[in-house]
PDB file of all heavy atoms in Angstrom:
ATOM      1  N   THR A   1      96.422 132.512  91.386  1.00  0.00           N
ATOM      2  CA  THR A   1      97.684 131.752  91.277  1.00  0.00           C
ATOM      3  C   THR A   1      97.557 130.644  92.263  1.00  0.00           C
ATOM      4  O   THR A   1      96.796 130.436  93.040  1.00  0.00           O
ATOM      5  CB  THR A   1      98.888 132.589  91.615  1.00  0.00           C
ATOM      6  OG1 THR A   1      98.834 132.941  93.027  1.00  0.00           O
ATOM      7  CG2 THR A   1      99.040 133.882  90.732  1.00  0.00           C
ATOM      8  N   ASN A   2      98.407 129.653  92.020  1.00  0.00           N
ATOM      9  CA  ASN A   2      98.544 128.402  92.795  1.00  0.00           C
ATOM     10  C   ASN A   2      98.624 128.844  94.334  1.00  0.00           C
ATOM     11  O   ASN A   2      97.993 128.308  95.260  1.00  0.00           O
ATOM     12  CB  ASN A   2      99.682 127.503  92.415  1.00  0.00           C
ATOM     13  CG  ASN A   2      99.458 126.845  91.165  1.00  0.00           C
ATOM     14  OD1 ASN A   2      98.440 127.080  90.463  1.00  0.00           O
ATOM     15  ND2 ASN A   2     100.462 126.202  90.664  1.00  0.00           N
ATOM     16  N   LYS A   3      99.564 129.822  94.522  1.00  0.00           N
ATOM     17  CA  LYS A   3      99.906 130.196  95.979  1.00  0.00           C
ATOM     18  C   LYS A   3      98.695 130.870  96.698  1.00  0.00           C
ATOM     19  O   LYS A   3      98.361 130.576  97.865  1.00  0.00           O
ATOM     20  CB  LYS A   3     101.089 131.273  96.007  1.00  0.00           C
ATOM     21  CG  LYS A   3     102.436 130.686  95.385  1.00  0.00           C
ATOM     22  CD  LYS A   3     103.041 129.844  96.598  1.00  0.00           C
ATOM     23  CE  LYS A   3     104.528 129.356  96.098  1.00  0.00           C
ATOM     24  NZ  LYS A   3     104.812 128.229  96.879  1.00  0.00           N
ATOM     25  N   ALA A   4      97.936 131.675  95.971  1.00  0.00           N
ATOM     26  CA  ALA A   4      96.798 132.196  96.425  1.00  0.00           C
ATOM     27  C   ALA A   4      95.747 131.250  96.894  1.00  0.00           C
ATOM     28  O   ALA A   4      95.179 131.229  97.834  1.00  0.00           O
ATOM     29  CB  ALA A   4      96.205 133.246  95.542  1.00  0.00           C
ATOM     30  N   ARG A   5      95.461 130.232  95.954  1.00  0.00           N
ATOM     31  CA  ARG A   5      94.604 129.070  96.257  1.00  0.00           C
ATOM     32  C   ARG A   5      94.942 128.345  97.383  1.00  0.00           C
ATOM     33  O   ARG A   5      94.169 127.988  98.382  1.00  0.00           O
ATOM     34  CB  ARG A   5      94.393 128.268  95.062  1.00  0.00           C
ATOM     35  CG  ARG A   5      93.652 128.912  93.839  1.00  0.00           C
ATOM     36  CD  ARG A   5      93.224 127.896  92.717  1.00  0.00           C
ATOM     37  NE  ARG A   5      94.128 126.886  92.436  1.00  0.00           N
ATOM     38  CZ  ARG A   5      95.116 127.003  91.478  1.00  0.00           C
ATOM     39  NH1 ARG A   5      95.184 128.105  90.700  1.00  0.00           N
ATOM     40  NH2 ARG A   5      96.014 126.029  91.296  1.00  0.00           N
ATOM     41  N   GLN A   6      96.216 127.888  97.515  1.00  0.00           N
ATOM     42  CA  GLN A   6      96.698 127.222  98.611  1.00  0.00           C
ATOM     43  C   GLN A   6      96.696 127.943  99.953  1.00  0.00           C
ATOM     44  O   GLN A   6      96.295 127.408 100.942  1.00  0.00           O
ATOM     45  CB  GLN A   6      98.140 126.783  98.268  1.00  0.00           C
ATOM     46  CG  GLN A   6      98.228 125.791  97.232  1.00  0.00           C
ATOM     47  CD  GLN A   6      99.605 125.663  96.596  1.00  0.00           C
ATOM     48  OE1 GLN A   6     100.599 126.195  97.273  1.00  0.00           O
ATOM     49  NE2 GLN A   6      99.714 124.927  95.415  1.00  0.00           N
ATOM     50  N   LYS A   7      96.909 129.401  99.882  1.00  0.00           N
ATOM     51  CA  LYS A   7      96.775 130.102 100.970  1.00  0.00           C
ATOM     52  C   LYS A   7      95.415 130.193 101.519  1.00  0.00           C
ATOM     53  O   LYS A   7      95.115 130.123 102.696  1.00  0.00           O
ATOM     54  CB  LYS A   7      97.333 131.519 100.660  1.00  0.00           C
ATOM     55  CG  LYS A   7      97.377 132.607 101.871  1.00  0.00           C
ATOM     56  CD  LYS A   7      98.441 132.206 102.764  1.00  0.00           C
ATOM     57  CE  LYS A   7      98.538 133.334 103.807  1.00  0.00           C
ATOM     58  NZ  LYS A   7      99.323 132.971 105.027  1.00  0.00           N
ATOM     59  N   TRP A   8      94.420 130.275 100.622  1.00  0.00           N
ATOM     60  CA  TRP A   8      93.036 130.322 100.977  1.00  0.00           C
ATOM     61  C   TRP A   8      92.719 129.008 101.577  1.00  0.00           C
ATOM     62  O   TRP A   8      91.930 129.084 102.619  1.00  0.00           O
ATOM     63  CB  TRP A   8      92.205 130.577  99.647  1.00  0.00           C
ATOM     64  CG  TRP A   8      90.695 130.530  99.968  1.00  0.00           C
ATOM     65  CD1 TRP A   8      89.936 131.556 100.429  1.00  0.00           C
ATOM     66  CD2 TRP A   8      89.807 129.445  99.840  1.00  0.00           C
ATOM     67  NE1 TRP A   8      88.662 131.190 100.591  1.00  0.00           N
ATOM     68  CE2 TRP A   8      88.611 129.734 100.221  1.00  0.00           C
ATOM     69  CE3 TRP A   8      90.010 128.062  99.456  1.00  0.00           C
ATOM     70  CZ2 TRP A   8      87.472 128.875 100.211  1.00  0.00           C
ATOM     71  CZ3 TRP A   8      88.953 127.186  99.552  1.00  0.00           C
ATOM     72  CH2 TRP A   8      87.718 127.637  99.764  1.00  0.00           C
ATOM     73  N   LEU A   9      93.053 127.854 101.031  1.00  0.00           N
ATOM     74  CA  LEU A   9      92.781 126.611 101.730  1.00  0.00           C
ATOM     75  C   LEU A   9      93.444 126.499 103.101  1.00  0.00           C
ATOM     76  O   LEU A   9      92.815 125.972 103.964  1.00  0.00           O
ATOM     77  CB  LEU A   9      93.352 125.374 100.739  1.00  0.00           C
ATOM     78  CG  LEU A   9      92.304 124.732  99.976  1.00  0.00           C
ATOM     79  CD1 LEU A   9      93.051 123.685  98.957  1.00  0.00           C
ATOM     80  CD2 LEU A   9      91.239 124.096 100.681  1.00  0.00           C
ATOM     81  N   PHE A  10      94.690 126.869 103.168  1.00  0.00           N
ATOM     82  CA  PHE A  10      95.419 126.794 104.370  1.00  0.00           C
ATOM     83  C   PHE A  10      94.618 127.718 105.490  1.00  0.00           C
ATOM     84  O   PHE A  10      94.407 127.250 106.572  1.00  0.00           O
ATOM     85  CB  PHE A  10      96.809 127.520 104.210  1.00  0.00           C
ATOM     86  CG  PHE A  10      97.454 127.799 105.517  1.00  0.00           C
ATOM     87  CD1 PHE A  10      98.011 126.708 106.374  1.00  0.00           C
ATOM     88  CD2 PHE A  10      97.758 129.109 105.908  1.00  0.00           C
ATOM     89  CE1 PHE A  10      98.664 126.977 107.528  1.00  0.00           C
ATOM     90  CE2 PHE A  10      98.510 129.287 107.156  1.00  0.00           C
ATOM     91  CZ  PHE A  10      98.876 128.316 107.856  1.00  0.00           C
ATOM     92  N   GLU A  11      94.130 128.879 105.171  1.00  0.00           N
ATOM     93  CA  GLU A  11      93.411 129.672 106.017  1.00  0.00           C
ATOM     94  C   GLU A  11      92.143 129.057 106.506  1.00  0.00           C
ATOM     95  O   GLU A  11      91.659 129.081 107.565  1.00  0.00           O
ATOM     96  CB  GLU A  11      93.057 131.056 105.466  1.00  0.00           C
ATOM     97  CG  GLU A  11      94.383 131.889 105.355  1.00  0.00           C
ATOM     98  CD  GLU A  11      95.145 132.206 106.740  1.00  0.00           C
ATOM     99  OE1 GLU A  11      94.494 132.283 107.688  1.00  0.00           O
ATOM    100  OE2 GLU A  11      96.440 132.297 106.696  1.00  0.00           O
ATOM    101  N   LEU A  12      91.398 128.439 105.469  1.00  0.00           N
ATOM    102  CA  LEU A  12      90.258 127.649 105.729  1.00  0.00           C
ATOM    103  C   LEU A  12      90.424 126.611 106.699  1.00  0.00           C
ATOM    104  O   LEU A  12      89.666 126.417 107.703  1.00  0.00           O
ATOM    105  CB  LEU A  12      89.590 127.115 104.345  1.00  0.00           C
ATOM    106  CG  LEU A  12      88.332 126.260 104.587  1.00  0.00           C
ATOM    107  CD1 LEU A  12      87.210 127.096 104.849  1.00  0.00           C
ATOM    108  CD2 LEU A  12      88.088 125.412 103.201  1.00  0.00           C
ATOM    109  N   LEU A  13      91.483 125.835 106.549  1.00  0.00           N
ATOM    110  CA  LEU A  13      91.777 124.715 107.534  1.00  0.00           C
ATOM    111  C   LEU A  13      92.181 125.229 108.777  1.00  0.00           C
ATOM    112  O   LEU A  13      91.866 124.530 109.830  1.00  0.00           O
ATOM    113  CB  LEU A  13      92.843 123.808 106.814  1.00  0.00           C
ATOM    114  CG  LEU A  13      92.412 122.985 105.662  1.00  0.00           C
ATOM    115  CD1 LEU A  13      93.614 122.362 104.965  1.00  0.00           C
ATOM    116  CD2 LEU A  13      91.376 121.998 105.825  1.00  0.00           C
ATOM    117  N   LYS A  14      92.869 126.328 108.937  1.00  0.00           N
ATOM    118  CA  LYS A  14      93.113 126.880 110.164  1.00  0.00           C
ATOM    119  C   LYS A  14      91.906 127.462 110.895  1.00  0.00           C
ATOM    120  O   LYS A  14      91.745 127.078 112.058  1.00  0.00           O
ATOM    121  CB  LYS A  14      94.159 128.182 110.000  1.00  0.00           C
ATOM    122  CG  LYS A  14      95.525 127.884 110.250  1.00  0.00           C
ATOM    123  CD  LYS A  14      96.454 129.051 109.962  1.00  0.00           C
ATOM    124  CE  LYS A  14      96.021 130.339 110.553  1.00  0.00           C
ATOM    125  NZ  LYS A  14      97.005 131.478 110.278  1.00  0.00           N
ATOM    126  N   LYS A  15      91.036 128.019 110.167  1.00  0.00           N
ATOM    127  CA  LYS A  15      89.774 128.570 110.770  1.00  0.00           C
ATOM    128  C   LYS A  15      88.753 127.540 111.071  1.00  0.00           C
ATOM    129  O   LYS A  15      88.173 127.653 112.148  1.00  0.00           O
ATOM    130  CB  LYS A  15      89.138 129.492 109.710  1.00  0.00           C
ATOM    131  CG  LYS A  15      87.908 130.258 110.258  1.00  0.00           C
ATOM    132  CD  LYS A  15      87.483 131.241 109.277  1.00  0.00           C
ATOM    133  CE  LYS A  15      86.924 130.701 107.905  1.00  0.00           C
ATOM    134  NZ  LYS A  15      86.323 131.489 106.950  1.00  0.00           N
ATOM    135  N   GLU A  16      88.713 126.469 110.299  1.00  0.00           N
ATOM    136  CA  GLU A  16      87.842 125.274 110.549  1.00  0.00           C
ATOM    137  C   GLU A  16      88.514 123.964 110.644  1.00  0.00           C
ATOM    138  O   GLU A  16      88.602 123.289 109.573  1.00  0.00           O
ATOM    139  CB  GLU A  16      86.694 125.304 109.416  1.00  0.00           C
ATOM    140  CG  GLU A  16      85.820 126.502 109.238  1.00  0.00           C
ATOM    141  CD  GLU A  16      84.960 126.332 108.041  1.00  0.00           C
ATOM    142  OE1 GLU A  16      84.537 125.256 107.561  1.00  0.00           O
ATOM    143  OE2 GLU A  16      84.754 127.535 107.501  1.00  0.00           O
ATOM    144  N   PRO A  17      89.239 123.613 111.800  1.00  0.00           N
ATOM    145  CA  PRO A  17      89.936 122.498 111.861  1.00  0.00           C
ATOM    146  C   PRO A  17      89.219 121.244 111.619  1.00  0.00           C
ATOM    147  O   PRO A  17      89.797 120.148 111.092  1.00  0.00           O
ATOM    148  CB  PRO A  17      90.503 122.505 113.305  1.00  0.00           C
ATOM    149  CG  PRO A  17      90.127 123.711 113.834  1.00  0.00           C
ATOM    150  CD  PRO A  17      89.016 124.488 112.977  1.00  0.00           C
ATOM    151  N   ALA A  18      87.862 121.154 111.699  1.00  0.00           N
ATOM    152  CA  ALA A  18      87.084 119.985 111.442  1.00  0.00           C
ATOM    153  C   ALA A  18      86.645 119.873 109.975  1.00  0.00           C
ATOM    154  O   ALA A  18      85.924 118.976 109.699  1.00  0.00           O
ATOM    155  CB  ALA A  18      85.933 119.876 112.345  1.00  0.00           C
ATOM    156  N   CYS A  19      87.091 120.768 109.162  1.00  0.00           N
ATOM    157  CA  CYS A  19      86.706 120.720 107.803  1.00  0.00           C
ATOM    158  C   CYS A  19      87.166 119.530 107.121  1.00  0.00           C
ATOM    159  O   CYS A  19      88.207 119.103 107.123  1.00  0.00           O
ATOM    160  CB  CYS A  19      87.290 122.112 107.144  1.00  0.00           C
ATOM    161  SG  CYS A  19      86.706 122.301 105.372  1.00  0.00           S
ATOM    162  N   THR A  20      86.283 118.893 106.279  1.00  0.00           N
ATOM    163  CA  THR A  20      86.574 117.661 105.705  1.00  0.00           C
ATOM    164  C   THR A  20      87.061 118.116 104.175  1.00  0.00           C
ATOM    165  O   THR A  20      86.812 118.975 103.632  1.00  0.00           O
ATOM    166  CB  THR A  20      85.274 116.698 105.545  1.00  0.00           C
ATOM    167  OG1 THR A  20      84.128 117.432 104.845  1.00  0.00           O
ATOM    168  CG2 THR A  20      84.785 116.368 107.035  1.00  0.00           C
ATOM    169  N   TYR A  21      87.584 116.973 103.574  1.00  0.00           N
ATOM    170  CA  TYR A  21      88.016 117.045 102.194  1.00  0.00           C
ATOM    171  C   TYR A  21      86.843 117.446 101.327  1.00  0.00           C
ATOM    172  O   TYR A  21      86.965 118.342 100.547  1.00  0.00           O
ATOM    173  CB  TYR A  21      88.565 115.716 101.799  1.00  0.00           C
ATOM    174  CG  TYR A  21      88.915 115.570 100.354  1.00  0.00           C
ATOM    175  CD1 TYR A  21      90.294 116.027  99.961  1.00  0.00           C
ATOM    176  CD2 TYR A  21      88.034 115.156  99.383  1.00  0.00           C
ATOM    177  CE1 TYR A  21      90.522 115.972  98.548  1.00  0.00           C
ATOM    178  CE2 TYR A  21      88.398 115.099  98.025  1.00  0.00           C
ATOM    179  CZ  TYR A  21      89.666 115.412  97.641  1.00  0.00           C
ATOM    180  OH  TYR A  21      90.081 115.254  96.362  1.00  0.00           O
ATOM    181  N   LEU A  22      85.656 116.734 101.461  1.00  0.00           N
ATOM    182  CA  LEU A  22      84.591 116.994 100.580  1.00  0.00           C
ATOM    183  C   LEU A  22      83.983 118.460 100.801  1.00  0.00           C
ATOM    184  O   LEU A  22      83.742 119.155  99.737  1.00  0.00           O
ATOM    185  CB  LEU A  22      83.495 115.985 100.872  1.00  0.00           C
ATOM    186  CG  LEU A  22      82.333 115.890  99.886  1.00  0.00           C
ATOM    187  CD1 LEU A  22      82.816 115.580  98.485  1.00  0.00           C
ATOM    188  CD2 LEU A  22      81.343 114.780 100.385  1.00  0.00           C
ATOM    189  N   ASN A  23      83.864 118.874 102.027  1.00  0.00           N
ATOM    190  CA  ASN A  23      83.357 120.237 102.406  1.00  0.00           C
ATOM    191  C   ASN A  23      84.399 121.242 101.820  1.00  0.00           C
ATOM    192  O   ASN A  23      83.808 122.197 101.224  1.00  0.00           O
ATOM    193  CB  ASN A  23      83.209 120.347 103.854  1.00  0.00           C
ATOM    194  CG  ASN A  23      82.459 121.480 104.363  1.00  0.00           C
ATOM    195  OD1 ASN A  23      81.863 122.224 103.537  1.00  0.00           O
ATOM    196  ND2 ASN A  23      82.425 121.707 105.630  1.00  0.00           N
ATOM    197  N   ALA A  24      85.630 121.054 101.994  1.00  0.00           N
ATOM    198  CA  ALA A  24      86.703 122.071 101.478  1.00  0.00           C
ATOM    199  C   ALA A  24      86.446 122.041  99.991  1.00  0.00           C
ATOM    200  O   ALA A  24      86.605 123.147  99.318  1.00  0.00           O
ATOM    201  CB  ALA A  24      88.022 121.657 101.832  1.00  0.00           C
ATOM    202  N   PHE A  25      86.335 120.843  99.424  1.00  0.00           N
ATOM    203  CA  PHE A  25      86.220 120.864  97.918  1.00  0.00           C
ATOM    204  C   PHE A  25      85.109 121.642  97.347  1.00  0.00           C
ATOM    205  O   PHE A  25      85.208 122.410  96.299  1.00  0.00           O
ATOM    206  CB  PHE A  25      86.205 119.401  97.358  1.00  0.00           C
ATOM    207  CG  PHE A  25      86.097 119.262  95.868  1.00  0.00           C
ATOM    208  CD1 PHE A  25      87.029 119.836  95.048  1.00  0.00           C
ATOM    209  CD2 PHE A  25      84.978 118.696  95.248  1.00  0.00           C
ATOM    210  CE1 PHE A  25      86.949 119.822  93.575  1.00  0.00           C
ATOM    211  CE2 PHE A  25      84.896 118.651  93.884  1.00  0.00           C
ATOM    212  CZ  PHE A  25      85.701 119.175  93.162  1.00  0.00           C
ATOM    213  N   HIS A  26      83.965 121.534  98.103  1.00  0.00           N
ATOM    214  CA  HIS A  26      82.701 122.304  97.568  1.00  0.00           C
ATOM    215  C   HIS A  26      82.903 123.752  97.647  1.00  0.00           C
ATOM    216  O   HIS A  26      82.599 124.534  96.768  1.00  0.00           O
ATOM    217  CB  HIS A  26      81.467 121.853  98.345  1.00  0.00           C
ATOM    218  CG  HIS A  26      80.986 120.477  98.002  1.00  0.00           C
ATOM    219  ND1 HIS A  26      80.540 120.176  96.743  1.00  0.00           N
ATOM    220  CD2 HIS A  26      80.843 119.308  98.859  1.00  0.00           C
ATOM    221  CE1 HIS A  26      80.150 118.930  96.716  1.00  0.00           C
ATOM    222  NE2 HIS A  26      80.253 118.434  97.963  1.00  0.00           N
ATOM    223  N   GLN A  27      83.600 124.258  98.751  1.00  0.00           N
ATOM    224  CA  GLN A  27      83.958 125.642  98.924  1.00  0.00           C
ATOM    225  C   GLN A  27      84.839 126.039  97.781  1.00  0.00           C
ATOM    226  O   GLN A  27      84.719 127.197  97.270  1.00  0.00           O
ATOM    227  CB  GLN A  27      84.335 125.943 100.302  1.00  0.00           C
ATOM    228  CG  GLN A  27      83.385 125.751 101.345  1.00  0.00           C
ATOM    229  CD  GLN A  27      83.807 126.181 102.769  1.00  0.00           C
ATOM    230  OE1 GLN A  27      84.473 127.010 102.861  1.00  0.00           O
ATOM    231  NE2 GLN A  27      83.488 125.300 103.722  1.00  0.00           N
ATOM    232  N   TYR A  28      85.870 125.191  97.670  1.00  0.00           N
ATOM    233  CA  TYR A  28      86.985 125.577  96.643  1.00  0.00           C
ATOM    234  C   TYR A  28      86.303 125.661  95.216  1.00  0.00           C
ATOM    235  O   TYR A  28      86.583 126.524  94.444  1.00  0.00           O
ATOM    236  CB  TYR A  28      87.933 124.452  96.722  1.00  0.00           C
ATOM    237  CG  TYR A  28      89.086 124.606  95.753  1.00  0.00           C
ATOM    238  CD1 TYR A  28      90.262 125.187  96.174  1.00  0.00           C
ATOM    239  CD2 TYR A  28      89.089 123.980  94.704  1.00  0.00           C
ATOM    240  CE1 TYR A  28      91.366 125.320  95.228  1.00  0.00           C
ATOM    241  CE2 TYR A  28      90.225 123.964  93.648  1.00  0.00           C
ATOM    242  CZ  TYR A  28      91.328 124.627  94.145  1.00  0.00           C
ATOM    243  OH  TYR A  28      92.403 124.808  93.338  1.00  0.00           O
ATOM    244  N   LYS A  29      85.479 124.789  94.982  1.00  0.00           N
ATOM    245  CA  LYS A  29      84.782 124.702  93.629  1.00  0.00           C
ATOM    246  C   LYS A  29      83.941 125.947  93.281  1.00  0.00           C
ATOM    247  O   LYS A  29      83.973 126.531  92.283  1.00  0.00           O
ATOM    248  CB  LYS A  29      84.016 123.472  93.459  1.00  0.00           C
ATOM    249  CG  LYS A  29      83.297 123.176  92.204  1.00  0.00           C
ATOM    250  CD  LYS A  29      84.431 122.538  91.253  1.00  0.00           C
ATOM    251  CE  LYS A  29      83.741 122.030  90.050  1.00  0.00           C
ATOM    252  NZ  LYS A  29      84.691 122.114  88.919  1.00  0.00           N
TER     253      LYS A  29
END
């Protein structure tokens, strides 16, 4: 669901504060 994906991204950004848009997109993809 949207909420689960957003939660996963939120946790990724919390865990890795220096995570870039491109890096996050590759992991998300």
